[in-house]
Amino acid sequence: MTQASTPAGHPRPASLTDLFVSFTLLALQGFGGVLAVIQRELVERKRWLTNEEFIED
């Protein structure tokens, strides 16, 4: 299955389930501070955001 892209050219979640599972796993890893984990997941692995977009948000 190919991932849909946004107009900016970023991949986006394949489904709401993908989005839910991704954030649930991040929450489970993140007791005490998850910023670095979230950045790695959303910017480097999934490429849903650029580093600049992540910093802005």
C-alpha atoms as a PDB file:
ATOM      1  CA  MET A   1       0.000   0.000   0.000  1.00  0.00           C
ATOM      2  CA  THR A   2       1.413   3.414  -0.880  1.00  0.00           C
ATOM      3  CA  GLN A   3       1.004   6.329   1.454  1.00  0.00           C
ATOM      4  CA  ALA A   4      -0.997   9.327   0.362  1.00  0.00           C
ATOM      5  CA  SER A   5       0.905  12.598   0.233  1.00  0.00           C
ATOM      6  CA  THR A   6      -0.136  16.051   1.270  1.00  0.00           C
ATOM      7  CA  PRO A   7       0.238  18.987  -1.108  1.00  0.00           C
ATOM      8  CA  ALA A   8       3.547  19.837   0.621  1.00  0.00           C
ATOM      9  CA  GLY A   9       4.816  16.384  -0.355  1.00  0.00           C
ATOM     10  CA  HIS A  10       4.895  14.857   3.145  1.00  0.00           C
ATOM     11  CA  PRO A  11       3.535  11.373   3.655  1.00  0.00           C
ATOM     12  CA  ARG A  12       0.575  11.238   5.975  1.00  0.00           C
ATOM     13  CA  PRO A  13      -0.918   8.534   8.168  1.00  0.00           C
ATOM     14  CA  ALA A  14      -2.276   5.632   6.156  1.00  0.00           C
ATOM     15  CA  SER A  15      -5.387   5.498   8.353  1.00  0.00           C
ATOM     16  CA  LEU A  16      -6.816   6.743  11.601  1.00  0.00           C
ATOM     17  CA  THR A  17      -5.678   3.451  13.110  1.00  0.00           C
ATOM     18  CA  ASP A  18      -2.085   4.183  12.029  1.00  0.00           C
ATOM     19  CA  LEU A  19      -2.310   7.619  13.641  1.00  0.00           C
ATOM     20  CA  PHE A  20      -3.839   6.194  16.843  1.00  0.00           C
ATOM     21  CA  VAL A  21      -1.303   3.375  17.170  1.00  0.00           C
ATOM     22  CA  SER A  22       1.639   5.712  16.524  1.00  0.00           C
ATOM     23  CA  PHE A  23       0.611   8.186  19.200  1.00  0.00           C
ATOM     24  CA  THR A  24      -0.356   5.425  21.651  1.00  0.00           C
ATOM     25  CA  LEU A  25       3.110   3.873  21.343  1.00  0.00           C
ATOM     26  CA  LEU A  26       4.688   7.283  21.852  1.00  0.00           C
ATOM     27  CA  ALA A  27       2.582   7.877  24.956  1.00  0.00           C
ATOM     28  CA  LEU A  28       3.565   4.509  26.407  1.00  0.00           C
ATOM     29  CA  GLN A  29       7.255   5.315  25.892  1.00  0.00           C
ATOM     30  CA  GLY A  30       6.990   8.774  27.246  1.00  0.00           C
ATOM     31  CA  PHE A  31       6.479   8.803  30.964  1.00  0.00           C
ATOM     32  CA  GLY A  32       8.627  11.740  32.062  1.00  0.00           C
ATOM     33  CA  GLY A  33       9.471  13.326  28.725  1.00  0.00           C
ATOM     34  CA  VAL A  34       8.868  12.300  25.141  1.00  0.00           C
ATOM     35  CA  LEU A  35       9.971  15.228  23.029  1.00  0.00           C
ATOM     36  CA  ALA A  36      13.021  13.476  21.543  1.00  0.00           C
ATOM     37  CA  VAL A  37      11.065  10.255  20.969  1.00  0.00           C
ATOM     38  CA  ILE A  38       8.214  12.106  19.267  1.00  0.00           C
ATOM     39  CA  GLN A  39      10.601  14.076  17.065  1.00  0.00           C
ATOM     40  CA  ARG A  40      12.397  10.910  15.944  1.00  0.00           C
ATOM     41  CA  GLU A  41       9.090   9.159  15.189  1.00  0.00           C
ATOM     42  CA  LEU A  42       7.263  12.000  13.400  1.00  0.00           C
ATOM     43  CA  VAL A  43      10.213  13.628  11.605  1.00  0.00           C
ATOM     44  CA  GLU A  44      12.700  10.852  10.900  1.00  0.00           C
ATOM     45  CA  ARG A  45      10.711   7.615  10.765  1.00  0.00           C
ATOM     46  CA  LYS A  46       7.242   8.578   9.518  1.00  0.00           C
ATOM     47  CA  ARG A  47       8.229  11.861   7.826  1.00  0.00           C
ATOM     48  CA  TRP A  48       4.844  13.373   8.613  1.00  0.00           C
ATOM     49  CA  LEU A  49       6.574  16.678   9.492  1.00  0.00           C
ATOM     50  CA  THR A  50       9.814  18.394   8.589  1.00  0.00           C
ATOM     51  CA  ASN A  51      12.138  19.312  11.420  1.00  0.00           C
ATOM     52  CA  GLU A  52      11.171  22.963  10.956  1.00  0.00           C
ATOM     53  CA  GLU A  53       7.445  22.156  11.162  1.00  0.00           C
ATOM     54  CA  PHE A  54       8.038  20.088  14.303  1.00  0.00           C
ATOM     55  CA  ILE A  55       9.964  22.920  15.976  1.00  0.00           C
ATOM     56  CA  GLU A  56       7.268  25.421  14.991  1.00  0.00           C
ATOM     57  CA  ASP A  57       4.479  23.256  16.409  1.00  0.00           C
END
